[in-house]
Amino acid sequence: MNIIVKKISEIKPYKTNPRKNKNAIAKVAASIREFGFKVPVIIDSKSEIVCGHTRVEAAKTLNIKDIPCIIADDLSDKQIKAFRLADNKVSEYSEWDENLLSLELLNLEGLDMSEFGFEQELEEVEKELDSDKQKKEKTLKDMEIKTFEHHDYLVFVFDNQLDFLNACTAFGIEKVDSGYGETKKVGVGRVVTGKKLVEKL
């Protein structure tokens, strides 16, 4: 498989291309601008596009003059026509694993994935984060006991290990009982959000 570089002006679109790609051009252009032109365009021996119409149009909007190409000179004319259709059709059978996609998007903080067509997915992730935050805040609020006749001990509730270690240092705690999940109610004391204490310190 030989990748060659051709001037974009020499590459010809397939006149009866049945794929409507106008709405995808801006998204593909954003991808090329961010990551570079990583997927070669497939052309026939006459420089007519077999696969990659959208990438070529996107490259034009970015004023790219030369693009990588692969010449499909090992296929017959009928195979080229069939490949042109099959390449677009098979992608319709792929689906997203929504949970794994959310995790991937969360790990891409700082990169605006909406430029590449993930607007709706990002909205769903934001809704999930807001929901989780509200549940967490409600849980902590429910755990805080405002008034007691006696304060025999304090229970600090942390949402991360770093704040827990900082509190141990700040208060000179050498030995503690730590637990995860459902807490057991023993004796009389005061439950507070440890993070707020650390912020005050």
N, C-alpha and C. Protein backbone atom coordinates (compact mmCIF):
# COMPACT_ATOMS: atom_id res chain seq x y z
N MET A 1 0.86 -1.19 0.00
CA MET A 1 0.00 0.00 0.00
C MET A 1 0.89 1.23 0.00
N ASN A 2 0.86 1.96 -1.09
CA ASN A 2 1.69 3.15 -1.22
C ASN A 2 0.87 4.41 -1.04
N ILE A 3 1.32 5.25 -0.12
CA ILE A 3 0.66 6.53 0.10
C ILE A 3 1.43 7.59 -0.67
N ILE A 4 0.74 8.30 -1.54
CA ILE A 4 1.37 9.36 -2.31
C ILE A 4 0.72 10.69 -1.94
N VAL A 5 1.41 11.77 -2.22
CA VAL A 5 0.87 13.11 -1.96
C VAL A 5 0.47 13.73 -3.29
N LYS A 6 -0.78 14.15 -3.38
CA LYS A 6 -1.26 14.78 -4.61
C LYS A 6 -1.82 16.16 -4.31
N LYS A 7 -1.73 17.02 -5.30
CA LYS A 7 -2.33 18.33 -5.16
C LYS A 7 -3.85 18.17 -5.17
N ILE A 8 -4.50 18.88 -4.26
CA ILE A 8 -5.95 18.74 -4.12
C ILE A 8 -6.67 19.19 -5.39
N SER A 9 -6.04 20.06 -6.14
CA SER A 9 -6.65 20.54 -7.39
C SER A 9 -6.69 19.46 -8.46
N GLU A 10 -5.86 18.42 -8.31
CA GLU A 10 -5.81 17.33 -9.29
C GLU A 10 -6.84 16.23 -8.99
N ILE A 11 -7.42 16.28 -7.81
CA ILE A 11 -8.33 15.22 -7.39
C ILE A 11 -9.76 15.59 -7.79
N LYS A 12 -10.45 14.64 -8.40
CA LYS A 12 -11.79 14.90 -8.92
C LYS A 12 -12.85 14.16 -8.09
N PRO A 13 -13.94 14.84 -7.73
CA PRO A 13 -15.03 14.14 -7.03
C PRO A 13 -15.77 13.20 -7.97
N TYR A 14 -16.37 12.18 -7.41
CA TYR A 14 -17.19 11.27 -8.20
C TYR A 14 -18.53 11.97 -8.46
N LYS A 15 -18.86 12.17 -9.72
CA LYS A 15 -20.00 13.01 -10.08
C LYS A 15 -21.34 12.52 -9.54
N THR A 16 -21.52 11.21 -9.48
CA THR A 16 -22.80 10.67 -9.01
C THR A 16 -22.67 10.06 -7.62
N ASN A 17 -21.85 10.68 -6.79
CA ASN A 17 -21.68 10.21 -5.40
C ASN A 17 -23.03 10.32 -4.67
N PRO A 18 -23.59 9.20 -4.20
CA PRO A 18 -24.92 9.24 -3.57
C PRO A 18 -24.89 9.67 -2.10
N ARG A 19 -23.71 9.85 -1.57
CA ARG A 19 -23.58 10.20 -0.15
C ARG A 19 -23.65 11.72 0.03
N LYS A 20 -24.59 12.18 0.85
CA LYS A 20 -24.70 13.61 1.15
C LYS A 20 -23.83 13.93 2.36
N ASN A 21 -22.78 14.69 2.16
CA ASN A 21 -21.81 14.92 3.23
C ASN A 21 -21.66 16.38 3.65
N LYS A 22 -22.54 17.25 3.18
CA LYS A 22 -22.42 18.68 3.44
C LYS A 22 -22.38 19.00 4.94
N ASN A 23 -23.24 18.34 5.72
CA ASN A 23 -23.34 18.65 7.15
C ASN A 23 -22.13 18.17 7.95
N ALA A 24 -21.34 17.29 7.34
CA ALA A 24 -20.19 16.73 8.06
C ALA A 24 -18.89 17.48 7.78
N ILE A 25 -18.89 18.34 6.80
CA ILE A 25 -17.64 18.99 6.38
C ILE A 25 -16.99 19.79 7.49
N ALA A 26 -17.76 20.59 8.20
CA ALA A 26 -17.20 21.43 9.27
C ALA A 26 -16.61 20.57 10.40
N LYS A 27 -17.27 19.46 10.74
CA LYS A 27 -16.79 18.58 11.79
C LYS A 27 -15.48 17.90 11.38
N VAL A 28 -15.43 17.45 10.14
CA VAL A 28 -14.21 16.81 9.64
C VAL A 28 -13.07 17.84 9.55
N ALA A 29 -13.39 19.06 9.15
CA ALA A 29 -12.38 20.12 9.09
C ALA A 29 -11.81 20.40 10.48
N ALA A 30 -12.68 20.40 11.49
CA ALA A 30 -12.22 20.61 12.86
C ALA A 30 -11.27 19.49 13.29
N SER A 31 -11.59 18.26 12.89
CA SER A 31 -10.73 17.12 13.22
C SER A 31 -9.37 17.24 12.54
N ILE A 32 -9.37 17.62 11.27
CA ILE A 32 -8.11 17.78 10.54
C ILE A 32 -7.28 18.91 11.14
N ARG A 33 -7.95 20.00 11.51
CA ARG A 33 -7.25 21.14 12.10
C ARG A 33 -6.60 20.75 13.43
N GLU A 34 -7.30 19.93 14.22
CA GLU A 34 -6.80 19.54 15.54
C GLU A 34 -5.75 18.43 15.48
N PHE A 35 -5.98 17.43 14.62
CA PHE A 35 -5.15 16.23 14.64
C PHE A 35 -4.29 16.04 13.39
N GLY A 36 -4.53 16.84 12.35
CA GLY A 36 -3.81 16.66 11.10
C GLY A 36 -4.57 15.74 10.15
N PHE A 37 -4.09 15.68 8.92
CA PHE A 37 -4.73 14.85 7.90
C PHE A 37 -4.17 13.44 8.04
N LYS A 38 -4.83 12.59 8.85
CA LYS A 38 -4.29 11.28 9.22
C LYS A 38 -4.83 10.12 8.39
N VAL A 39 -5.93 10.33 7.66
CA VAL A 39 -6.54 9.24 6.88
C VAL A 39 -6.45 9.59 5.40
N PRO A 40 -5.67 8.85 4.63
CA PRO A 40 -5.52 9.16 3.20
C PRO A 40 -6.84 9.03 2.45
N VAL A 41 -6.94 9.77 1.36
CA VAL A 41 -8.08 9.67 0.45
C VAL A 41 -7.78 8.56 -0.55
N ILE A 42 -8.78 7.76 -0.85
CA ILE A 42 -8.61 6.69 -1.84
C ILE A 42 -9.13 7.18 -3.19
N ILE A 43 -8.28 7.08 -4.19
CA ILE A 43 -8.64 7.52 -5.54
C ILE A 43 -8.39 6.39 -6.54
N ASP A 44 -8.96 6.52 -7.73
CA ASP A 44 -8.67 5.53 -8.77
C ASP A 44 -7.51 6.02 -9.63
N SER A 45 -7.20 5.29 -10.66
CA SER A 45 -6.05 5.63 -11.50
C SER A 45 -6.23 6.95 -12.25
N LYS A 46 -7.48 7.45 -12.31
CA LYS A 46 -7.76 8.71 -12.99
C LYS A 46 -7.90 9.87 -12.00
N SER A 47 -7.50 9.63 -10.74
CA SER A 47 -7.56 10.63 -9.65
C SER A 47 -8.98 10.99 -9.27
N GLU A 48 -9.92 10.11 -9.56
CA GLU A 48 -11.30 10.32 -9.12
C GLU A 48 -11.48 9.69 -7.73
N ILE A 49 -12.18 10.38 -6.85
CA ILE A 49 -12.31 9.92 -5.47
C ILE A 49 -13.13 8.65 -5.38
N VAL A 50 -12.59 7.68 -4.67
CA VAL A 50 -13.32 6.47 -4.34
C VAL A 50 -13.91 6.61 -2.94
N CYS A 51 -13.07 6.95 -1.97
CA CYS A 51 -13.51 7.20 -0.58
C CYS A 51 -12.77 8.41 -0.06
N GLY A 52 -13.51 9.35 0.52
CA GLY A 52 -12.87 10.53 1.11
C GLY A 52 -13.38 11.85 0.60
N HIS A 53 -14.59 11.86 0.02
CA HIS A 53 -15.15 13.13 -0.47
C HIS A 53 -15.22 14.20 0.63
N THR A 54 -15.67 13.78 1.82
CA THR A 54 -15.82 14.76 2.91
C THR A 54 -14.47 15.31 3.34
N ARG A 55 -13.46 14.43 3.42
CA ARG A 55 -12.13 14.89 3.82
C ARG A 55 -11.55 15.88 2.80
N VAL A 56 -11.81 15.63 1.53
CA VAL A 56 -11.31 16.55 0.49
C VAL A 56 -11.99 17.92 0.61
N GLU A 57 -13.31 17.92 0.77
CA GLU A 57 -14.03 19.19 0.91
C GLU A 57 -13.60 19.93 2.18
N ALA A 58 -13.38 19.17 3.26
CA ALA A 58 -12.92 19.79 4.51
C ALA A 58 -11.54 20.39 4.34
N ALA A 59 -10.67 19.69 3.61
CA ALA A 59 -9.31 20.20 3.37
C ALA A 59 -9.35 21.49 2.57
N LYS A 60 -10.29 21.59 1.64
CA LYS A 60 -10.42 22.82 0.85
C LYS A 60 -10.77 24.01 1.74
N THR A 61 -11.66 23.79 2.72
CA THR A 61 -12.04 24.89 3.62
C THR A 61 -10.87 25.34 4.48
N LEU A 62 -9.91 24.45 4.69
CA LEU A 62 -8.72 24.78 5.48
C LEU A 62 -7.56 25.26 4.61
N ASN A 63 -7.84 25.39 3.30
CA ASN A 63 -6.83 25.86 2.34
C ASN A 63 -5.62 24.93 2.28
N ILE A 64 -5.86 23.63 2.42
CA ILE A 64 -4.78 22.64 2.30
C ILE A 64 -4.57 22.35 0.82
N LYS A 65 -3.34 22.41 0.38
CA LYS A 65 -3.04 22.26 -1.05
C LYS A 65 -2.69 20.83 -1.44
N ASP A 66 -2.03 20.09 -0.54
CA ASP A 66 -1.59 18.73 -0.84
C ASP A 66 -2.13 17.77 0.20
N ILE A 67 -2.62 16.61 -0.25
CA ILE A 67 -3.18 15.63 0.68
C ILE A 67 -2.67 14.24 0.34
N PRO A 68 -2.59 13.37 1.37
CA PRO A 68 -2.14 11.99 1.13
C PRO A 68 -3.23 11.17 0.46
N CYS A 69 -2.83 10.33 -0.47
CA CYS A 69 -3.78 9.51 -1.22
C CYS A 69 -3.26 8.08 -1.39
N ILE A 70 -4.20 7.18 -1.60
CA ILE A 70 -3.89 5.81 -1.98
C ILE A 70 -4.61 5.53 -3.29
N ILE A 71 -3.88 5.03 -4.27
CA ILE A 71 -4.49 4.72 -5.56
C ILE A 71 -4.95 3.28 -5.57
N ALA A 72 -6.24 3.09 -5.75
CA ALA A 72 -6.83 1.75 -5.75
C ALA A 72 -6.75 1.16 -7.15
N ASP A 73 -5.52 0.97 -7.66
CA ASP A 73 -5.34 0.47 -9.03
C ASP A 73 -5.41 -1.05 -9.10
N ASP A 74 -5.67 -1.71 -7.95
CA ASP A 74 -5.79 -3.16 -7.96
C ASP A 74 -7.26 -3.61 -8.07
N LEU A 75 -8.18 -2.64 -8.17
CA LEU A 75 -9.60 -2.96 -8.25
C LEU A 75 -10.13 -2.67 -9.65
N SER A 76 -11.11 -3.47 -10.05
CA SER A 76 -11.78 -3.22 -11.32
C SER A 76 -12.74 -2.05 -11.17
N ASP A 77 -13.25 -1.54 -12.28
CA ASP A 77 -14.20 -0.42 -12.22
C ASP A 77 -15.44 -0.79 -11.41
N LYS A 78 -15.91 -2.02 -11.59
CA LYS A 78 -17.09 -2.46 -10.85
C LYS A 78 -16.78 -2.58 -9.36
N GLN A 79 -15.60 -3.08 -9.01
CA GLN A 79 -15.21 -3.20 -7.61
C GLN A 79 -15.09 -1.82 -6.96
N ILE A 80 -14.57 -0.87 -7.71
CA ILE A 80 -14.45 0.49 -7.18
C ILE A 80 -15.82 1.07 -6.87
N LYS A 81 -16.77 0.89 -7.76
CA LYS A 81 -18.13 1.37 -7.52
C LYS A 81 -18.73 0.70 -6.28
N ALA A 82 -18.50 -0.61 -6.17
CA ALA A 82 -19.03 -1.35 -5.02
C ALA A 82 -18.35 -0.91 -3.72
N PHE A 83 -17.03 -0.70 -3.75
CA PHE A 83 -16.28 -0.30 -2.57
C PHE A 83 -16.72 1.08 -2.11
N ARG A 84 -16.99 1.96 -3.05
CA ARG A 84 -17.44 3.33 -2.73
C ARG A 84 -18.73 3.29 -1.90
N LEU A 85 -19.64 2.40 -2.28
CA LEU A 85 -20.89 2.27 -1.54
C LEU A 85 -20.69 1.53 -0.22
N ALA A 86 -19.93 0.44 -0.25
CA ALA A 86 -19.74 -0.39 0.95
C ALA A 86 -19.04 0.38 2.04
N ASP A 87 -18.04 1.18 1.69
CA ASP A 87 -17.26 1.91 2.69
C ASP A 87 -18.15 2.83 3.52
N ASN A 88 -19.14 3.44 2.88
CA ASN A 88 -20.06 4.32 3.61
C ASN A 88 -21.13 3.53 4.36
N LYS A 89 -21.58 2.42 3.76
CA LYS A 89 -22.69 1.68 4.34
C LYS A 89 -22.32 0.95 5.62
N VAL A 90 -21.15 0.32 5.66
CA VAL A 90 -20.79 -0.52 6.81
C VAL A 90 -20.70 0.29 8.11
N SER A 91 -20.38 1.59 8.00
CA SER A 91 -20.26 2.41 9.22
C SER A 91 -21.60 2.59 9.92
N GLU A 92 -22.70 2.38 9.18
CA GLU A 92 -24.03 2.56 9.77
C GLU A 92 -24.36 1.47 10.79
N TYR A 93 -23.60 0.38 10.79
CA TYR A 93 -23.89 -0.74 11.70
C TYR A 93 -23.13 -0.64 13.02
N SER A 94 -22.30 0.37 13.18
CA SER A 94 -21.57 0.57 14.43
C SER A 94 -22.42 1.35 15.42
N GLU A 95 -22.26 1.04 16.71
CA GLU A 95 -22.99 1.75 17.77
C GLU A 95 -22.01 2.14 18.87
N TRP A 96 -22.45 3.06 19.70
CA TRP A 96 -21.64 3.50 20.83
C TRP A 96 -22.03 2.74 22.09
N ASP A 97 -21.05 2.39 22.89
CA ASP A 97 -21.30 1.95 24.27
C ASP A 97 -21.36 3.23 25.09
N GLU A 98 -22.56 3.63 25.49
CA GLU A 98 -22.76 4.94 26.11
C GLU A 98 -21.94 5.13 27.38
N ASN A 99 -21.83 4.08 28.20
CA ASN A 99 -21.07 4.19 29.45
C ASN A 99 -19.59 4.42 29.17
N LEU A 100 -19.03 3.62 28.26
CA LEU A 100 -17.61 3.77 27.94
C LEU A 100 -17.34 5.10 27.24
N LEU A 101 -18.29 5.54 26.40
CA LEU A 101 -18.13 6.83 25.73
C LEU A 101 -18.11 7.96 26.74
N SER A 102 -18.98 7.91 27.76
CA SER A 102 -19.00 8.94 28.79
C SER A 102 -17.66 9.00 29.53
N LEU A 103 -17.10 7.84 29.84
CA LEU A 103 -15.81 7.79 30.52
C LEU A 103 -14.72 8.41 29.65
N GLU A 104 -14.73 8.09 28.36
CA GLU A 104 -13.73 8.64 27.45
C GLU A 104 -13.84 10.17 27.37
N LEU A 105 -15.07 10.67 27.28
CA LEU A 105 -15.28 12.12 27.19
C LEU A 105 -14.85 12.81 28.48
N LEU A 106 -15.10 12.18 29.62
CA LEU A 106 -14.68 12.75 30.90
C LEU A 106 -13.16 12.87 30.99
N ASN A 107 -12.45 11.95 30.34
CA ASN A 107 -10.99 11.96 30.38
C ASN A 107 -10.38 12.92 29.37
N LEU A 108 -11.22 13.64 28.64
CA LEU A 108 -10.72 14.57 27.62
C LEU A 108 -10.98 16.02 28.03
N GLU A 109 -10.90 16.29 29.32
CA GLU A 109 -11.13 17.65 29.82
C GLU A 109 -10.12 18.61 29.19
N GLY A 110 -10.58 19.73 28.71
CA GLY A 110 -9.71 20.71 28.08
C GLY A 110 -9.76 20.65 26.56
N LEU A 111 -10.33 19.57 26.02
CA LEU A 111 -10.48 19.45 24.57
C LEU A 111 -11.97 19.49 24.24
N ASP A 112 -12.36 20.47 23.42
CA ASP A 112 -13.78 20.66 23.11
C ASP A 112 -14.22 19.65 22.07
N MET A 113 -14.82 18.54 22.51
CA MET A 113 -15.24 17.48 21.60
C MET A 113 -16.52 17.83 20.85
N SER A 114 -17.16 18.94 21.23
CA SER A 114 -18.36 19.36 20.50
C SER A 114 -18.02 19.77 19.08
N GLU A 115 -16.77 20.15 18.84
CA GLU A 115 -16.34 20.52 17.49
C GLU A 115 -16.41 19.35 16.53
N PHE A 116 -16.39 18.14 17.11
CA PHE A 116 -16.37 16.94 16.26
C PHE A 116 -17.72 16.21 16.28
N GLY A 117 -18.76 16.90 16.78
CA GLY A 117 -20.10 16.34 16.70
C GLY A 117 -20.61 15.68 17.95
N PHE A 118 -19.94 15.89 19.11
CA PHE A 118 -20.35 15.23 20.35
C PHE A 118 -21.16 16.14 21.26
N GLU A 119 -21.88 17.11 20.68
CA GLU A 119 -22.64 18.05 21.50
C GLU A 119 -23.65 17.34 22.41
N GLN A 120 -24.45 16.46 21.85
CA GLN A 120 -25.50 15.78 22.61
C GLN A 120 -24.90 14.88 23.69
N GLU A 121 -23.82 14.18 23.34
CA GLU A 121 -23.18 13.29 24.32
C GLU A 121 -22.60 14.09 25.49
N LEU A 122 -22.03 15.25 25.20
CA LEU A 122 -21.47 16.08 26.26
C LEU A 122 -22.56 16.63 27.18
N GLU A 123 -23.70 16.94 26.59
CA GLU A 123 -24.84 17.40 27.40
C GLU A 123 -25.27 16.30 28.37
N GLU A 124 -25.30 15.06 27.90
CA GLU A 124 -25.67 13.93 28.76
C GLU A 124 -24.67 13.74 29.88
N VAL A 125 -23.38 13.90 29.56
CA VAL A 125 -22.34 13.77 30.59
C VAL A 125 -22.51 14.85 31.65
N GLU A 126 -22.80 16.10 31.21
CA GLU A 126 -23.00 17.20 32.15
C GLU A 126 -24.20 16.92 33.06
N LYS A 127 -25.27 16.37 32.49
CA LYS A 127 -26.45 16.04 33.29
C LYS A 127 -26.11 14.99 34.34
N GLU A 128 -25.33 13.98 33.95
CA GLU A 128 -24.93 12.93 34.89
C GLU A 128 -24.08 13.50 36.00
N LEU A 129 -23.13 14.39 35.65
CA LEU A 129 -22.27 15.00 36.66
C LEU A 129 -23.07 15.84 37.64
N ASP A 130 -24.01 16.63 37.10
CA ASP A 130 -24.86 17.47 37.96
C ASP A 130 -25.70 16.59 38.89
N SER A 131 -26.25 15.51 38.35
CA SER A 131 -27.06 14.59 39.15
C SER A 131 -26.23 13.96 40.26
N ASP A 132 -25.02 13.51 39.92
CA ASP A 132 -24.14 12.90 40.91
C ASP A 132 -23.76 13.91 41.99
N LYS A 133 -23.50 15.15 41.55
CA LYS A 133 -23.12 16.20 42.50
C LYS A 133 -24.26 16.50 43.48
N GLN A 134 -25.47 16.58 42.95
CA GLN A 134 -26.63 16.85 43.80
C GLN A 134 -26.86 15.72 44.79
N LYS A 135 -26.72 14.48 44.33
CA LYS A 135 -26.89 13.33 45.23
C LYS A 135 -25.84 13.36 46.33
N LYS A 136 -24.61 13.70 45.93
CA LYS A 136 -23.51 13.74 46.90
C LYS A 136 -23.73 14.84 47.94
N GLU A 137 -24.14 16.02 47.46
CA GLU A 137 -24.38 17.13 48.38
C GLU A 137 -25.52 16.81 49.34
N LYS A 138 -26.56 16.17 48.82
CA LYS A 138 -27.69 15.79 49.68
C LYS A 138 -27.25 14.78 50.74
N THR A 139 -26.43 13.82 50.32
CA THR A 139 -25.95 12.81 51.26
C THR A 139 -25.14 13.45 52.38
N LEU A 140 -24.24 14.35 52.01
CA LEU A 140 -23.40 15.02 53.02
C LEU A 140 -24.25 15.90 53.93
N LYS A 141 -25.24 16.57 53.32
CA LYS A 141 -26.12 17.43 54.12
C LYS A 141 -26.92 16.61 55.12
N ASP A 142 -27.40 15.46 54.67
CA ASP A 142 -28.16 14.58 55.56
C ASP A 142 -27.30 14.05 56.69
N MET A 143 -26.00 13.90 56.40
CA MET A 143 -25.10 13.33 57.41
C MET A 143 -24.69 14.34 58.48
N GLU A 144 -24.77 15.62 58.12
CA GLU A 144 -24.36 16.65 59.08
C GLU A 144 -25.41 16.80 60.18
N ILE A 145 -25.01 16.63 61.39
CA ILE A 145 -25.91 16.77 62.55
C ILE A 145 -25.61 18.11 63.20
N LYS A 146 -26.60 18.97 63.17
CA LYS A 146 -26.34 20.35 63.58
C LYS A 146 -26.29 20.54 65.10
N THR A 147 -27.13 19.88 65.84
CA THR A 147 -27.17 20.13 67.28
C THR A 147 -27.06 18.84 68.07
N PHE A 148 -26.25 18.89 69.11
CA PHE A 148 -26.09 17.77 70.03
C PHE A 148 -25.94 18.31 71.45
N GLU A 149 -26.44 17.58 72.40
CA GLU A 149 -26.20 17.97 73.79
C GLU A 149 -24.77 17.67 74.18
N HIS A 150 -24.19 16.65 73.56
CA HIS A 150 -22.81 16.28 73.86
C HIS A 150 -22.04 16.12 72.55
N HIS A 151 -20.76 16.40 72.61
CA HIS A 151 -19.88 16.22 71.45
C HIS A 151 -18.71 15.34 71.90
N ASP A 152 -18.97 14.07 72.02
CA ASP A 152 -17.93 13.16 72.49
C ASP A 152 -16.87 12.89 71.43
N TYR A 153 -17.23 13.00 70.17
CA TYR A 153 -16.25 12.77 69.11
C TYR A 153 -16.74 13.42 67.82
N LEU A 154 -15.83 13.52 66.87
CA LEU A 154 -16.14 14.06 65.56
C LEU A 154 -15.92 12.99 64.50
N VAL A 155 -16.79 13.00 63.51
CA VAL A 155 -16.59 12.14 62.34
C VAL A 155 -16.39 13.03 61.14
N PHE A 156 -15.21 12.94 60.50
CA PHE A 156 -14.94 13.73 59.32
C PHE A 156 -15.27 12.90 58.07
N VAL A 157 -16.00 13.51 57.15
CA VAL A 157 -16.37 12.83 55.91
C VAL A 157 -15.61 13.49 54.75
N PHE A 158 -14.78 12.72 54.04
CA PHE A 158 -13.98 13.24 52.93
C PHE A 158 -14.42 12.63 51.61
N ASP A 159 -14.25 13.39 50.53
CA ASP A 159 -14.56 12.83 49.21
C ASP A 159 -13.29 12.46 48.46
N ASN A 160 -12.12 12.63 49.11
CA ASN A 160 -10.88 12.19 48.47
C ASN A 160 -9.82 11.94 49.54
N GLN A 161 -8.84 11.13 49.19
CA GLN A 161 -7.83 10.70 50.15
C GLN A 161 -6.88 11.82 50.52
N LEU A 162 -6.62 12.75 49.58
CA LEU A 162 -5.69 13.84 49.84
C LEU A 162 -6.16 14.72 50.99
N ASP A 163 -7.45 15.09 51.00
CA ASP A 163 -7.99 15.90 52.10
C ASP A 163 -7.90 15.13 53.42
N PHE A 164 -8.15 13.83 53.35
CA PHE A 164 -8.06 12.99 54.55
C PHE A 164 -6.65 13.04 55.13
N LEU A 165 -5.63 12.89 54.30
CA LEU A 165 -4.24 12.92 54.76
C LEU A 165 -3.87 14.30 55.27
N ASN A 166 -4.38 15.36 54.61
CA ASN A 166 -4.11 16.73 55.07
C ASN A 166 -4.69 16.96 56.46
N ALA A 167 -5.89 16.42 56.70
CA ALA A 167 -6.52 16.57 58.01
C ALA A 167 -5.73 15.83 59.08
N CYS A 168 -5.23 14.65 58.74
CA CYS A 168 -4.41 13.90 59.70
C CYS A 168 -3.19 14.71 60.11
N THR A 169 -2.57 15.37 59.14
CA THR A 169 -1.40 16.20 59.43
C THR A 169 -1.78 17.43 60.25
N ALA A 170 -2.86 18.10 59.83
CA ALA A 170 -3.27 19.34 60.48
C ALA A 170 -3.68 19.13 61.93
N PHE A 171 -4.36 18.03 62.21
CA PHE A 171 -4.87 17.78 63.56
C PHE A 171 -3.98 16.84 64.37
N GLY A 172 -2.87 16.42 63.77
CA GLY A 172 -1.97 15.54 64.50
C GLY A 172 -2.58 14.18 64.81
N ILE A 173 -3.40 13.70 63.89
CA ILE A 173 -4.05 12.41 64.11
C ILE A 173 -3.08 11.30 63.75
N GLU A 174 -2.78 10.44 64.68
CA GLU A 174 -1.83 9.36 64.42
C GLU A 174 -2.54 8.04 64.17
N LYS A 175 -3.68 7.85 64.77
CA LYS A 175 -4.40 6.60 64.60
C LYS A 175 -5.87 6.93 64.38
N VAL A 176 -6.40 6.42 63.31
CA VAL A 176 -7.81 6.68 63.01
C VAL A 176 -8.48 5.40 62.55
N ASP A 177 -9.78 5.38 62.67
CA ASP A 177 -10.58 4.31 62.09
C ASP A 177 -11.21 4.86 60.82
N SER A 178 -10.92 4.24 59.70
CA SER A 178 -11.48 4.72 58.45
C SER A 178 -12.43 3.68 57.88
N GLY A 179 -13.43 4.15 57.18
CA GLY A 179 -14.40 3.22 56.61
C GLY A 179 -14.96 3.75 55.32
N TYR A 180 -15.45 2.87 54.50
CA TYR A 180 -16.03 3.26 53.22
C TYR A 180 -17.44 2.69 53.13
N GLY A 181 -18.26 3.33 52.33
CA GLY A 181 -19.62 2.84 52.16
C GLY A 181 -20.50 3.28 53.30
N GLU A 182 -21.40 2.43 53.71
CA GLU A 182 -22.36 2.77 54.76
C GLU A 182 -21.66 2.88 56.11
N THR A 183 -21.86 3.99 56.79
CA THR A 183 -21.22 4.19 58.09
C THR A 183 -22.08 3.64 59.21
N LYS A 184 -21.42 3.23 60.28
CA LYS A 184 -22.15 2.71 61.44
C LYS A 184 -22.31 3.83 62.48
N LYS A 185 -23.49 3.94 63.05
CA LYS A 185 -23.75 4.96 64.05
C LYS A 185 -23.42 4.40 65.43
N VAL A 186 -22.41 4.98 66.05
CA VAL A 186 -22.00 4.52 67.38
C VAL A 186 -21.85 5.75 68.28
N GLY A 187 -22.46 5.74 69.44
CA GLY A 187 -22.28 6.81 70.41
C GLY A 187 -22.90 8.11 69.95
N VAL A 188 -22.41 9.18 70.54
CA VAL A 188 -22.92 10.52 70.24
C VAL A 188 -21.77 11.37 69.72
N GLY A 189 -21.99 12.08 68.67
CA GLY A 189 -20.92 12.93 68.14
C GLY A 189 -21.45 13.90 67.12
N ARG A 190 -20.57 14.40 66.34
CA ARG A 190 -20.95 15.39 65.31
C ARG A 190 -20.30 14.96 63.99
N VAL A 191 -21.13 14.85 62.96
CA VAL A 191 -20.64 14.49 61.63
C VAL A 191 -20.49 15.76 60.80
N VAL A 192 -19.31 16.00 60.29
CA VAL A 192 -19.08 17.20 59.48
C VAL A 192 -18.39 16.80 58.18
N THR A 193 -18.50 17.70 57.21
CA THR A 193 -17.80 17.50 55.94
C THR A 193 -16.35 17.89 56.11
N GLY A 194 -15.46 16.92 56.06
CA GLY A 194 -14.04 17.18 56.30
C GLY A 194 -13.44 18.15 55.32
N LYS A 195 -13.94 18.16 54.09
CA LYS A 195 -13.39 19.04 53.07
C LYS A 195 -13.52 20.51 53.47
N LYS A 196 -14.66 20.85 54.11
CA LYS A 196 -14.86 22.24 54.54
C LYS A 196 -13.87 22.63 55.62
N LEU A 197 -13.56 21.68 56.51
CA LEU A 197 -12.56 21.93 57.53
C LEU A 197 -11.20 22.21 56.93
N VAL A 198 -10.82 21.39 55.97
CA VAL A 198 -9.53 21.54 55.33
C VAL A 198 -9.44 22.87 54.60
N GLU A 199 -10.54 23.29 53.94
CA GLU A 199 -10.55 24.57 53.24
C GLU A 199 -10.35 25.73 54.21
N LYS A 200 -10.97 25.64 55.39
CA LYS A 200 -10.78 26.69 56.41
C LYS A 200 -9.34 26.75 56.89
N LEU A 201 -8.75 25.56 57.09
CA LEU A 201 -7.36 25.51 57.52
C LEU A 201 -6.45 26.13 56.48
